[in-house]
Amino acid sequence: MRTFRTLFTLLASGLFSVACSIPSGEGLIPDITADELRDHVYYLASDRLQGRKPGTEGYNTAASYAALHFLQADLESFKNGLTGSRRYYQHVPINHYEQDKTNTGLTLSINGTTYSYSASDRFAVTFEGPFEQNVFTGQAVFVGYGIHKPEFGWDDYQNIDLNRKWAVMLHDVPDSLKNDELEGIPEDHLSHTSRISEAQQAGAIGVISLYSKEYFNMQWRNVLRSSHTFYGLPQTGAPGMIYGCPRIAIDSSAIRLLFMDQPFDPLNHEGEYGSFDLKGVEISLNPVYEVHSFSSVNIVAVVHGEDPQLKNEFISVGAHLDHIGAVNNFVINGADDNASGSAAVLEVAEKVARSRPKRSVLFLLYTAEEIGLLGSFYFVSNAPVPAEKIIANINLDMVGRPDGDADDLAVIGADRINPHLKDLIVEVNGRTVNILLDQVDSNSLFERSDQYSFYLRGIPSVLFITGLHNDYHTSRDDADKIDYDFLQQVSELTYEVIMELAGGEVFP
C-alpha cells in the first residue's frame, strides 16, 4: 500500500494519457485484507476529499486515486472513441437545474378560479427531468392508488381516459395489500415509481402525488428544501424520469382545493373510493429553470475473460464513489456511504485481475449517485460494451456497518429479473464466508442505488447493503466506525460470486 501511495503522488497529474501498466507479480492471487480496505476507506473518507461531491476537486482526487489503483492492479481501460487514447475515465455531463423562484410554476384552475403557486410555496417537483422548456397543461383524473393489475383483481384504470391528462394518485398503497389480503401482485409493481410508469404508459402528462397529512407534518420541510434545485443528464434527466413524466407533490391545503365537491376525500378517506374525472379541474406546470452544466467522471476498468466465447459476456461490479460534500460547513465524509463499497470494489478488482475468469468483468466506480443515480444511468446508456452482453450487475453501497438496520448484509433485488442470481449468491455464501444474509426485499432501498439503472435495462441486478444507521448522511459517518473484518468478508463474498458468475453456465 505504501508503494501505491507513492505512485499516486508521483503519477496522478499525468496518469490518464499513459497507456502502459505497472508490472506486478504474474500469476499471484492477492488476499483481500482488512488492513488494505482500511487504508482505502481512511483515504477516501478523509477531510482532504471534502465529501467527494461531483464537480469538486475532492471528487476528482478520489477518482484519480481509484483509477491509479486500477492501473497498478493491471486492469485494462477502454479506448476513447474520439481520440483512440486509453482512459479509465468516462466523462458524464450533468445539468444542475435551479428554479426561478419568482416564476409561477404551478396553477390549479378549479371551476374557473385560478390558484397560482410559486417555487417558494408548498409544492414540490420531486421527480426531475429536462423539462425546463415544456409546459404541461391538462385536465385532472383521480386514479386512486394507480394500481393497474386487472389480472390480480385490482384495476384503478378501468373506464377512465388519461391521455394528455394529469393523474392524481395516492402515494401509499392500500392496507389490504400491506396485509397480504390481495395476493399475487409483485412488490416492485406496487412501488410509487412503478405506478408512475403505469400512468405515463396510459397517456398521463404528469402525476400529482397525494401524501398523508402525517407525512407532510413530519417530512414536508425536507422535501420542499430540495425540490426546486436538482440534477439531471442533458436530454435524458435522471433515471426516475425515464418516463418523461413530471411528478408533483402538493400540501394538504391544495389537496382540499382539488377535491372540493368531489365524490371522495383522499385526506380522510371519506366518500366512495374509485377513479373519476376531477370535474372542472385543470392543472398547468410551467417551471422556469436556470441551468448550470458541469462534467464529472465514472471510473471504468475491465478484466478480460479468457474463454474464447464467454469473454464477450460481462459481469459488472460497482459502487458509487461520490458523496454529498459539506453541509453547514461540516464535511460529510461518507465512510460507509460509500467509501466502504468503493474500497471493496478496488480490492476485489485486484484479486479478480489475477484469477483468470472465463467471462469478462467490468469494475465501475460511479459518480453522481447521491444526486439521482446519474453516473450509473449514463453508463448503461453509453456503455463501452453492448448492454445486452452484461449478464449481471452487483452493486455495493454501505457495506461496512453490520450494525445497520439489516441483519447483517441485505441482498436486495437479486431475484427480481432472474431468481437464479439470488440462489447463486445464497449457495456461494453458504460454502465460503457464510455471513448472515438478510433476504428481506426493499423497494425504498432498491430504487435508490446504482443497480437500479441496470435493472431498468433488464439486467439481473443485486444490491449488497448493511442498511441505514443513525450516522447516515451526517458528519459522524467516519472511517473509525467501519467494521473492517466484516467489510473483508463482504469483499470476499463479492469475489466468490463474481468468479461463480464468470466461470461458465450460470443462468438456465
Protein backbone atom coordinates (compact mmCIF):
# COMPACT_ATOMS: atom_id res chain seq x y z
CA MET A 1 0.00 0.00 0.00
CA ARG A 2 2.92 2.33 0.70
CA THR A 3 4.17 1.74 -2.86
CA PHE A 4 0.73 2.55 -4.25
CA ARG A 5 0.54 5.81 -2.33
CA THR A 6 3.96 6.82 -3.69
CA LEU A 7 2.79 6.06 -7.23
CA PHE A 8 -0.36 8.07 -6.62
CA THR A 9 1.64 11.09 -5.55
CA LEU A 10 4.03 10.86 -8.50
CA LEU A 11 1.61 9.99 -11.30
CA ALA A 12 -1.86 11.34 -10.51
CA SER A 13 -1.40 14.53 -12.52
CA GLY A 14 -0.41 12.76 -15.74
CA LEU A 15 -1.82 9.28 -15.37
CA PHE A 16 -4.61 9.33 -17.90
CA SER A 17 -2.50 9.83 -21.00
CA VAL A 18 -0.44 6.73 -20.11
CA ALA A 19 -1.29 3.50 -21.91
CA CYS A 20 1.07 1.17 -20.06
CA SER A 21 0.59 -0.57 -16.73
CA ILE A 22 2.84 -1.16 -13.78
CA PRO A 23 4.36 -4.67 -13.64
CA SER A 24 3.41 -6.87 -10.74
CA GLY A 25 3.75 -10.48 -9.66
CA GLU A 26 2.48 -12.65 -12.51
CA GLY A 27 0.03 -15.37 -11.51
CA LEU A 28 -0.14 -14.47 -7.82
CA ILE A 29 -3.68 -14.11 -6.46
CA PRO A 30 -3.59 -11.47 -3.71
CA ASP A 31 -5.54 -11.75 -0.50
CA ILE A 32 -8.19 -9.17 0.33
CA THR A 33 -7.17 -7.87 3.73
CA ALA A 34 -8.88 -5.74 6.32
CA ASP A 35 -5.77 -3.54 6.50
CA GLU A 36 -5.87 -2.66 2.80
CA LEU A 37 -9.58 -1.94 2.96
CA ARG A 38 -8.96 0.27 5.99
CA ASP A 39 -6.29 2.23 4.08
CA HIS A 40 -8.72 2.89 1.20
CA VAL A 41 -11.58 3.97 3.44
CA TYR A 42 -9.44 6.26 5.59
CA TYR A 43 -8.14 7.99 2.46
CA LEU A 44 -11.47 8.28 0.62
CA ALA A 45 -13.30 9.41 3.76
CA SER A 46 -10.67 11.95 4.83
CA ASP A 47 -11.40 15.65 5.21
CA ARG A 48 -8.93 16.27 2.39
CA LEU A 49 -11.52 15.00 -0.12
CA GLN A 50 -14.22 17.30 1.29
CA GLY A 51 -17.05 14.80 0.97
CA ARG A 52 -16.39 13.79 -2.69
CA LYS A 53 -19.18 15.87 -4.21
CA PRO A 54 -19.29 15.59 -8.03
CA GLY A 55 -17.79 18.57 -9.80
CA THR A 56 -15.36 19.35 -6.96
CA GLU A 57 -11.64 18.89 -6.59
CA GLY A 58 -12.27 16.44 -3.78
CA TYR A 59 -14.22 14.10 -6.05
CA ASN A 60 -11.64 14.45 -8.82
CA THR A 61 -8.89 13.48 -6.37
CA ALA A 62 -10.87 10.40 -5.31
CA ALA A 63 -11.37 9.48 -8.96
CA SER A 64 -7.64 9.80 -9.67
CA TYR A 65 -6.88 7.61 -6.65
CA ALA A 66 -9.28 4.90 -7.84
CA ALA A 67 -8.08 4.97 -11.44
CA LEU A 68 -4.47 4.70 -10.39
CA HIS A 69 -5.30 1.69 -8.25
CA PHE A 70 -6.90 0.01 -11.28
CA LEU A 71 -3.77 0.78 -13.28
CA GLN A 72 -1.48 -0.56 -10.57
CA ALA A 73 -3.59 -3.74 -10.40
CA ASP A 74 -3.22 -4.28 -14.19
CA LEU A 75 -6.87 -3.76 -15.08
CA GLU A 76 -7.40 -2.56 -18.62
CA SER A 77 -9.11 0.63 -19.73
CA PHE A 78 -11.24 1.26 -22.79
CA LYS A 79 -10.30 3.25 -25.86
CA ASN A 80 -11.70 6.74 -26.16
CA GLY A 81 -13.90 6.67 -29.25
CA LEU A 82 -12.82 10.11 -30.43
CA THR A 83 -9.08 10.08 -29.83
CA GLY A 84 -8.20 6.40 -29.63
CA SER A 85 -6.35 7.02 -26.36
CA ARG A 86 -6.93 4.72 -23.41
CA ARG A 87 -8.56 6.14 -20.31
CA TYR A 88 -10.23 4.90 -17.18
CA TYR A 89 -12.44 7.99 -17.16
CA GLN A 90 -15.93 8.07 -18.64
CA HIS A 91 -17.00 11.69 -18.68
CA VAL A 92 -20.58 12.27 -17.51
CA PRO A 93 -22.27 15.56 -18.49
CA ILE A 94 -24.54 16.87 -15.72
CA ASN A 95 -27.02 19.73 -15.60
CA HIS A 96 -27.82 21.49 -12.33
CA TYR A 97 -31.34 22.94 -12.52
CA GLU A 98 -32.34 25.77 -10.21
CA GLN A 99 -35.91 27.01 -10.43
CA ASP A 100 -36.56 30.73 -10.76
CA LYS A 101 -38.42 31.42 -7.51
CA THR A 102 -40.13 34.49 -8.97
CA ASN A 103 -41.82 32.33 -11.59
CA THR A 104 -45.33 30.96 -11.05
CA GLY A 105 -44.58 27.32 -11.75
CA LEU A 106 -47.89 25.64 -10.89
CA THR A 107 -51.51 26.73 -11.39
CA LEU A 108 -54.71 24.95 -10.42
CA SER A 109 -57.83 26.03 -12.26
CA ILE A 110 -60.91 24.92 -10.31
CA ASN A 111 -64.33 25.76 -11.72
CA GLY A 112 -62.92 28.86 -13.39
CA THR A 113 -60.94 30.13 -10.37
CA THR A 114 -57.14 30.06 -10.72
CA TYR A 115 -54.81 29.35 -7.81
CA SER A 116 -51.12 30.06 -8.51
CA TYR A 117 -48.13 28.59 -6.70
CA SER A 118 -44.56 29.84 -6.97
CA ALA A 119 -41.41 27.93 -6.10
CA SER A 120 -41.46 29.38 -2.59
CA ASP A 121 -44.94 27.96 -1.94
CA ARG A 122 -45.84 24.50 -0.76
CA PHE A 123 -45.50 22.38 -3.84
CA ALA A 124 -42.56 20.29 -4.97
CA VAL A 125 -41.46 18.78 -8.26
CA THR A 126 -39.90 15.66 -6.83
CA PHE A 127 -39.06 13.58 -9.90
CA GLU A 128 -36.62 15.50 -12.04
CA GLY A 129 -36.17 15.70 -15.79
CA PRO A 130 -35.06 18.04 -18.55
CA PHE A 131 -38.49 19.60 -18.97
CA GLU A 132 -37.49 23.22 -18.40
CA GLN A 133 -38.69 24.17 -21.89
CA ASN A 134 -42.04 22.43 -21.60
CA VAL A 135 -45.49 23.42 -20.41
CA PHE A 136 -47.69 20.64 -19.05
CA THR A 137 -51.39 21.56 -19.09
CA GLY A 138 -54.32 19.20 -18.90
CA GLN A 139 -57.44 18.03 -17.13
CA ALA A 140 -57.10 16.09 -13.86
CA VAL A 141 -58.16 12.49 -13.23
CA PHE A 142 -58.09 10.79 -9.83
CA VAL A 143 -56.68 7.27 -10.29
CA GLY A 144 -56.84 6.14 -6.66
CA TYR A 145 -53.69 4.22 -5.82
CA GLY A 146 -52.77 3.99 -9.50
CA ILE A 147 -52.68 0.18 -9.50
CA HIS A 148 -53.38 -1.32 -12.91
CA LYS A 149 -53.35 -5.05 -12.30
CA PRO A 150 -56.68 -6.46 -13.57
CA GLU A 151 -55.18 -9.96 -13.68
CA PHE A 152 -54.93 -9.77 -9.87
CA GLY A 153 -58.37 -8.30 -9.37
CA TRP A 154 -57.37 -4.63 -8.93
CA ASP A 155 -57.70 -2.03 -11.70
CA ASP A 156 -57.77 1.69 -10.94
CA TYR A 157 -57.67 2.42 -14.68
CA GLN A 158 -60.97 0.85 -15.60
CA ASN A 159 -63.30 3.17 -17.53
CA ILE A 160 -61.03 6.24 -17.38
CA ASP A 161 -59.10 8.14 -20.06
CA LEU A 162 -55.70 9.51 -19.05
CA ASN A 163 -54.49 10.65 -22.46
CA ARG A 164 -52.87 14.12 -22.13
CA LYS A 165 -54.23 14.47 -18.60
CA TRP A 166 -52.77 14.71 -15.10
CA ALA A 167 -53.02 11.56 -12.99
CA VAL A 168 -53.79 12.41 -9.36
CA MET A 169 -52.58 9.46 -7.28
CA LEU A 170 -52.38 8.38 -3.65
CA HIS A 171 -48.74 7.83 -2.71
CA ASP A 172 -49.34 4.98 -0.27
CA VAL A 173 -50.70 1.53 -1.09
CA PRO A 174 -53.93 0.16 0.41
CA ASP A 175 -53.84 -1.66 3.74
CA SER A 176 -55.28 -4.78 2.10
CA LEU A 177 -52.09 -5.14 0.04
CA LYS A 178 -49.87 -4.39 3.02
CA ASN A 179 -51.66 -7.12 4.93
CA ASP A 180 -51.39 -9.60 2.04
CA GLU A 181 -55.17 -9.86 1.73
CA LEU A 182 -54.77 -9.42 -2.02
CA GLU A 183 -52.15 -11.94 -3.05
CA GLY A 184 -50.04 -12.21 -6.13
CA ILE A 185 -49.04 -8.65 -7.10
CA PRO A 186 -45.21 -8.45 -7.09
CA GLU A 187 -43.96 -5.96 -4.51
CA ASP A 188 -41.90 -3.99 -7.01
CA HIS A 189 -45.05 -3.42 -9.10
CA LEU A 190 -46.56 -1.54 -6.14
CA SER A 191 -43.73 0.97 -5.75
CA HIS A 192 -44.67 4.57 -6.47
CA THR A 193 -42.13 4.63 -9.29
CA SER A 194 -43.82 1.66 -10.97
CA ARG A 195 -47.23 3.23 -10.59
CA ILE A 196 -45.98 6.49 -12.13
CA SER A 197 -44.72 4.41 -15.05
CA GLU A 198 -48.20 2.87 -15.43
CA ALA A 199 -49.73 6.35 -15.52
CA GLN A 200 -47.31 7.54 -18.19
CA GLN A 201 -47.95 4.42 -20.28
CA ALA A 202 -51.67 5.18 -20.03
CA GLY A 203 -51.01 8.63 -21.56
CA ALA A 204 -50.66 10.87 -18.49
CA ILE A 205 -48.59 14.04 -18.95
CA GLY A 206 -47.75 14.16 -15.24
CA VAL A 207 -48.59 12.82 -11.80
CA ILE A 208 -49.81 14.64 -8.71
CA SER A 209 -48.80 12.60 -5.66
CA LEU A 210 -51.08 12.80 -2.63
CA TYR A 211 -49.31 12.19 0.66
CA SER A 212 -50.92 11.69 4.04
CA LYS A 213 -51.25 14.58 6.49
CA GLU A 214 -48.81 12.77 8.78
CA TYR A 215 -46.18 12.73 6.03
CA PHE A 216 -46.42 16.46 5.48
CA ASN A 217 -46.28 17.18 9.19
CA MET A 218 -43.09 15.15 9.53
CA GLN A 219 -41.28 15.47 6.18
CA TRP A 220 -42.58 18.40 4.18
CA ARG A 221 -39.81 20.85 5.09
CA ASN A 222 -37.14 18.41 3.90
CA VAL A 223 -39.00 17.71 0.66
CA LEU A 224 -39.52 21.38 -0.10
CA ARG A 225 -35.90 22.28 0.65
CA SER A 226 -34.57 20.10 -2.18
CA SER A 227 -37.45 20.16 -4.63
CA HIS A 228 -36.61 23.27 -6.64
CA THR A 229 -32.96 22.52 -7.26
CA PHE A 230 -31.91 19.22 -8.77
CA TYR A 231 -29.57 17.49 -11.19
CA GLY A 232 -30.10 15.58 -14.41
CA LEU A 233 -28.45 14.37 -17.59
CA PRO A 234 -28.85 16.65 -20.64
CA GLN A 235 -31.73 15.45 -22.84
CA THR A 236 -32.31 12.48 -20.58
CA GLY A 237 -32.83 13.59 -17.00
CA ALA A 238 -32.47 11.26 -14.06
CA PRO A 239 -33.40 7.55 -14.08
CA GLY A 240 -36.60 8.38 -12.22
CA MET A 241 -37.65 10.49 -15.19
CA ILE A 242 -37.11 7.97 -17.97
CA TYR A 243 -40.89 8.13 -18.26
CA GLY A 244 -40.71 11.77 -19.42
CA CYS A 245 -43.40 12.43 -16.85
CA PRO A 246 -43.04 15.05 -14.09
CA ARG A 247 -44.33 14.28 -10.63
CA ILE A 248 -45.55 16.94 -8.22
CA ALA A 249 -46.25 16.73 -4.52
CA ILE A 250 -48.68 19.23 -3.03
CA ASP A 251 -49.66 20.03 0.52
CA SER A 252 -52.97 19.29 2.20
CA SER A 253 -54.46 22.74 1.51
CA ALA A 254 -54.01 22.25 -2.25
CA ILE A 255 -55.42 18.73 -1.98
CA ARG A 256 -58.56 20.14 -0.35
CA LEU A 257 -58.96 22.56 -3.26
CA LEU A 258 -58.60 19.78 -5.84
CA PHE A 259 -61.19 17.57 -4.16
CA MET A 260 -63.70 20.27 -3.24
CA ASP A 261 -67.18 18.93 -4.12
CA GLN A 262 -65.69 15.66 -5.46
CA PRO A 263 -67.08 12.23 -4.50
CA PHE A 264 -64.02 11.13 -2.49
CA ASP A 265 -61.82 12.85 0.12
CA PRO A 266 -58.30 11.32 -0.07
CA LEU A 267 -57.07 13.13 3.04
CA ASN A 268 -59.60 11.48 5.32
CA HIS A 269 -60.52 8.55 3.05
CA GLU A 270 -64.17 9.54 3.18
CA GLY A 271 -66.70 9.00 0.42
CA GLU A 272 -66.82 6.37 -2.29
CA TYR A 273 -63.35 5.19 -3.37
CA GLY A 274 -62.86 4.86 -7.11
CA SER A 275 -61.28 6.51 -10.13
CA PHE A 276 -63.02 9.52 -11.65
CA ASP A 277 -62.50 12.73 -13.59
CA LEU A 278 -61.96 15.71 -11.31
CA LYS A 279 -64.77 17.85 -12.72
CA GLY A 280 -63.79 21.42 -13.50
CA VAL A 281 -60.12 20.93 -12.57
CA GLU A 282 -57.22 21.80 -14.88
CA ILE A 283 -53.55 21.68 -13.85
CA SER A 284 -50.67 23.51 -15.50
CA LEU A 285 -46.96 23.16 -14.74
CA ASN A 286 -44.66 25.74 -16.37
CA PRO A 287 -41.38 25.79 -14.46
CA VAL A 288 -38.52 28.08 -15.47
CA TYR A 289 -35.01 26.97 -14.59
CA GLU A 290 -31.51 28.30 -14.70
CA VAL A 291 -29.30 25.51 -15.98
CA HIS A 292 -25.66 25.19 -14.92
CA SER A 293 -23.67 22.48 -16.71
CA PHE A 294 -20.60 20.65 -15.49
CA SER A 295 -18.86 17.31 -16.00
CA SER A 296 -17.87 14.51 -13.67
CA VAL A 297 -16.43 11.05 -14.28
CA ASN A 298 -17.16 7.39 -13.81
CA ILE A 299 -14.10 5.18 -13.38
CA VAL A 300 -14.36 2.17 -15.72
CA ALA A 301 -11.95 -0.77 -15.99
CA VAL A 302 -12.15 -4.34 -17.27
CA VAL A 303 -10.62 -7.73 -16.66
CA HIS A 304 -10.97 -9.57 -19.96
CA GLY A 305 -12.15 -13.16 -19.80
CA GLU A 306 -10.00 -15.98 -21.13
CA ASP A 307 -12.66 -18.23 -22.68
CA PRO A 308 -12.87 -17.58 -26.46
CA GLN A 309 -16.68 -17.42 -26.36
CA LEU A 310 -17.56 -16.33 -22.83
CA LYS A 311 -15.12 -13.39 -22.85
CA ASN A 312 -17.71 -11.49 -24.90
CA GLU A 313 -20.10 -11.56 -21.93
CA PHE A 314 -19.63 -9.32 -18.89
CA ILE A 315 -20.36 -9.20 -15.19
CA SER A 316 -20.43 -5.63 -13.91
CA VAL A 317 -19.43 -4.82 -10.34
CA GLY A 318 -19.66 -1.31 -8.97
CA ALA A 319 -20.09 1.17 -6.16
CA HIS A 320 -20.69 4.89 -6.08
CA LEU A 321 -17.60 6.92 -5.30
CA ASP A 322 -19.34 10.24 -4.71
CA HIS A 323 -20.94 11.66 -1.59
CA ILE A 324 -22.70 14.90 -0.62
CA GLY A 325 -19.80 17.22 0.18
CA ALA A 326 -20.14 19.67 3.06
CA VAL A 327 -23.35 20.75 4.78
CA ASN A 328 -23.42 23.85 7.01
CA ASN A 329 -19.61 23.87 6.97
CA PHE A 330 -19.43 20.28 8.22
CA VAL A 331 -17.70 17.84 5.85
CA ILE A 332 -19.84 14.74 5.34
CA ASN A 333 -17.10 12.20 4.71
CA GLY A 334 -19.28 9.21 3.81
CA ALA A 335 -17.08 6.44 5.15
CA ASP A 336 -19.84 3.84 4.99
CA ASP A 337 -21.70 5.73 2.26
CA ASN A 338 -19.84 4.81 0.17
CA ALA A 339 -16.12 4.67 0.76
CA SER A 340 -16.82 1.16 2.11
CA GLY A 341 -18.28 -0.10 -1.17
CA SER A 342 -15.64 1.72 -3.22
CA ALA A 343 -12.82 0.19 -1.19
CA ALA A 344 -14.34 -3.27 -1.66
CA VAL A 345 -14.53 -2.80 -5.44
CA LEU A 346 -10.87 -1.71 -5.58
CA GLU A 347 -9.66 -4.75 -3.65
CA VAL A 348 -11.97 -7.25 -5.37
CA ALA A 349 -10.84 -5.92 -8.77
CA GLU A 350 -7.20 -6.55 -7.88
CA LYS A 351 -7.95 -10.15 -6.91
CA VAL A 352 -10.13 -10.88 -9.96
CA ALA A 353 -7.41 -9.48 -12.24
CA ARG A 354 -5.11 -12.33 -11.10
CA SER A 355 -7.77 -15.05 -11.18
CA ARG A 356 -8.19 -15.72 -14.94
CA PRO A 357 -12.03 -15.57 -15.16
CA LYS A 358 -13.70 -17.09 -18.22
CA ARG A 359 -16.16 -14.21 -18.65
CA SER A 360 -15.05 -10.58 -18.65
CA VAL A 361 -15.64 -8.45 -15.57
CA LEU A 362 -16.33 -4.71 -15.59
CA PHE A 363 -15.35 -2.74 -12.50
CA LEU A 364 -17.12 0.58 -12.06
CA LEU A 365 -16.99 3.46 -9.62
CA TYR A 366 -19.89 5.78 -10.35
CA THR A 367 -20.28 9.49 -9.93
CA ALA A 368 -23.47 11.33 -9.00
CA GLU A 369 -25.36 8.54 -7.24
CA GLU A 370 -26.30 10.94 -4.47
CA ILE A 371 -27.93 13.35 -6.93
CA GLY A 372 -30.02 10.86 -8.86
CA LEU A 373 -28.07 7.74 -9.95
CA LEU A 374 -26.76 9.82 -12.86
CA GLY A 375 -23.38 8.11 -13.26
CA SER A 376 -24.76 4.58 -13.46
CA PHE A 377 -27.66 5.62 -15.67
CA TYR A 378 -25.22 7.34 -18.02
CA PHE A 379 -23.04 4.25 -18.05
CA VAL A 380 -25.79 1.81 -19.05
CA SER A 381 -26.87 4.24 -21.79
CA ASN A 382 -23.31 4.73 -23.05
CA ALA A 383 -21.54 1.53 -22.10
CA PRO A 384 -18.31 0.66 -23.94
CA VAL A 385 -19.73 -2.85 -24.39
CA PRO A 386 -23.21 -3.84 -25.60
CA ALA A 387 -25.58 -3.57 -22.64
CA GLU A 388 -27.26 -6.83 -23.64
CA LYS A 389 -23.91 -8.57 -23.09
CA ILE A 390 -23.89 -7.60 -19.39
CA ILE A 391 -25.38 -10.70 -17.79
CA ALA A 392 -25.46 -9.47 -14.18
CA ASN A 393 -24.72 -6.43 -12.03
CA ILE A 394 -23.50 -6.40 -8.43
CA ASN A 395 -23.67 -3.11 -6.53
CA LEU A 396 -22.06 -2.46 -3.15
CA ASP A 397 -23.48 0.50 -1.23
CA MET A 398 -22.91 0.94 2.52
CA VAL A 399 -21.37 -2.44 3.30
CA GLY A 400 -19.14 -1.61 6.27
CA ARG A 401 -21.59 -1.39 9.18
CA PRO A 402 -23.27 -4.64 10.22
CA ASP A 403 -24.88 -2.53 12.96
CA GLY A 404 -27.14 -1.03 10.27
CA ASP A 405 -30.81 -1.94 10.04
CA ALA A 406 -30.12 -5.11 8.02
CA ASP A 407 -29.19 -8.50 9.54
CA ASP A 408 -26.10 -8.38 8.72
CA LEU A 409 -25.87 -8.00 4.92
CA ALA A 410 -29.04 -7.40 2.93
CA VAL A 411 -29.28 -8.97 -0.53
CA ILE A 412 -31.87 -6.86 -2.32
CA GLY A 413 -33.39 -7.38 -5.76
CA ALA A 414 -31.41 -10.47 -6.76
CA ASP A 415 -34.50 -12.45 -7.76
CA ARG A 416 -36.45 -9.66 -9.47
CA ILE A 417 -35.35 -10.45 -13.03
CA ASN A 418 -33.79 -13.89 -12.67
CA PRO A 419 -34.26 -15.75 -9.36
CA HIS A 420 -31.20 -17.88 -10.10
CA LEU A 421 -28.98 -14.90 -9.22
CA LYS A 422 -30.29 -14.95 -5.66
CA ASP A 423 -29.96 -18.74 -5.47
CA LEU A 424 -26.36 -18.47 -6.65
CA ILE A 425 -25.49 -15.83 -4.04
CA VAL A 426 -27.02 -17.86 -1.21
CA GLU A 427 -25.25 -21.03 -2.32
CA VAL A 428 -21.85 -19.33 -2.74
CA ASN A 429 -22.17 -17.63 0.64
CA GLY A 430 -23.03 -20.94 2.33
CA ARG A 431 -19.86 -22.66 1.13
CA THR A 432 -17.48 -19.69 1.55
CA VAL A 433 -17.71 -16.86 4.08
CA ASN A 434 -21.14 -17.89 5.41
CA ILE A 435 -22.14 -14.46 6.72
CA LEU A 436 -25.72 -13.75 7.78
CA LEU A 437 -27.75 -12.70 4.74
CA ASP A 438 -30.89 -10.61 5.23
CA GLN A 439 -33.13 -11.57 2.31
CA VAL A 440 -35.98 -9.16 3.01
CA ASP A 441 -36.51 -7.13 -0.16
CA SER A 442 -36.94 -3.35 -0.06
CA ASN A 443 -38.26 -1.13 -2.84
CA SER A 444 -37.23 2.02 -0.99
CA LEU A 445 -33.58 0.97 -0.97
CA PHE A 446 -33.53 -0.85 -4.30
CA GLU A 447 -34.69 2.20 -6.26
CA ARG A 448 -32.16 4.48 -4.55
CA SER A 449 -28.88 2.86 -5.56
CA ASP A 450 -26.99 2.24 -8.77
CA GLN A 451 -28.03 -1.33 -9.55
CA TYR A 452 -31.46 0.16 -10.31
CA SER A 453 -30.08 1.69 -13.53
CA PHE A 454 -29.10 -1.81 -14.70
CA TYR A 455 -32.41 -3.26 -13.55
CA LEU A 456 -34.24 -0.72 -15.71
CA ARG A 457 -32.37 -2.16 -18.72
CA GLY A 458 -33.46 -5.70 -17.87
CA ILE A 459 -30.09 -6.78 -16.44
CA PRO A 460 -30.25 -9.11 -13.39
CA SER A 461 -29.03 -6.94 -10.52
CA VAL A 462 -28.39 -7.12 -6.80
CA LEU A 463 -27.74 -4.56 -4.08
CA PHE A 464 -25.45 -5.55 -1.21
CA ILE A 465 -26.09 -3.21 1.74
CA THR A 466 -25.92 -3.37 5.52
CA GLY A 467 -28.75 -0.87 5.81
CA LEU A 468 -29.22 2.64 7.12
CA HIS A 469 -27.98 3.82 10.51
CA ASN A 470 -28.03 6.95 12.65
CA ASP A 471 -24.81 8.27 11.08
CA TYR A 472 -26.20 8.13 7.52
CA HIS A 473 -25.62 11.44 5.70
CA THR A 474 -24.17 13.07 8.80
CA SER A 475 -20.69 14.26 9.77
CA ARG A 476 -20.48 11.20 12.07
CA ASP A 477 -20.10 8.76 9.15
CA ASP A 478 -16.34 8.43 9.65
CA ALA A 479 -13.74 5.78 8.94
CA ASP A 480 -13.37 4.70 12.57
CA LYS A 481 -16.98 3.46 12.57
CA ILE A 482 -16.34 0.79 9.92
CA ASP A 483 -16.04 -2.91 10.85
CA TYR A 484 -13.12 -3.79 8.59
CA ASP A 485 -13.18 -7.52 9.31
CA PHE A 486 -16.82 -7.57 8.23
CA LEU A 487 -16.01 -5.46 5.14
CA GLN A 488 -13.33 -8.01 4.27
CA GLN A 489 -15.94 -10.79 4.44
CA VAL A 490 -18.33 -8.86 2.18
CA SER A 491 -15.49 -8.24 -0.27
CA GLU A 492 -14.57 -11.92 -0.26
CA LEU A 493 -18.19 -12.91 -0.87
CA THR A 494 -18.34 -10.47 -3.77
CA TYR A 495 -15.20 -12.00 -5.26
CA GLU A 496 -16.56 -15.54 -4.93
CA VAL A 497 -19.90 -14.58 -6.53
CA ILE A 498 -18.08 -12.88 -9.41
CA MET A 499 -15.93 -15.94 -10.07
CA GLU A 500 -19.00 -18.20 -9.99
CA LEU A 501 -20.80 -15.93 -12.47
CA ALA A 502 -17.69 -15.69 -14.62
CA GLY A 503 -16.98 -19.39 -14.61
CA GLY A 504 -19.35 -20.93 -17.09
CA GLU A 505 -23.02 -21.88 -17.34
CA VAL A 506 -24.86 -19.68 -14.84
CA PHE A 507 -28.49 -18.96 -15.66
CA PRO A 508 -30.85 -21.54 -17.22
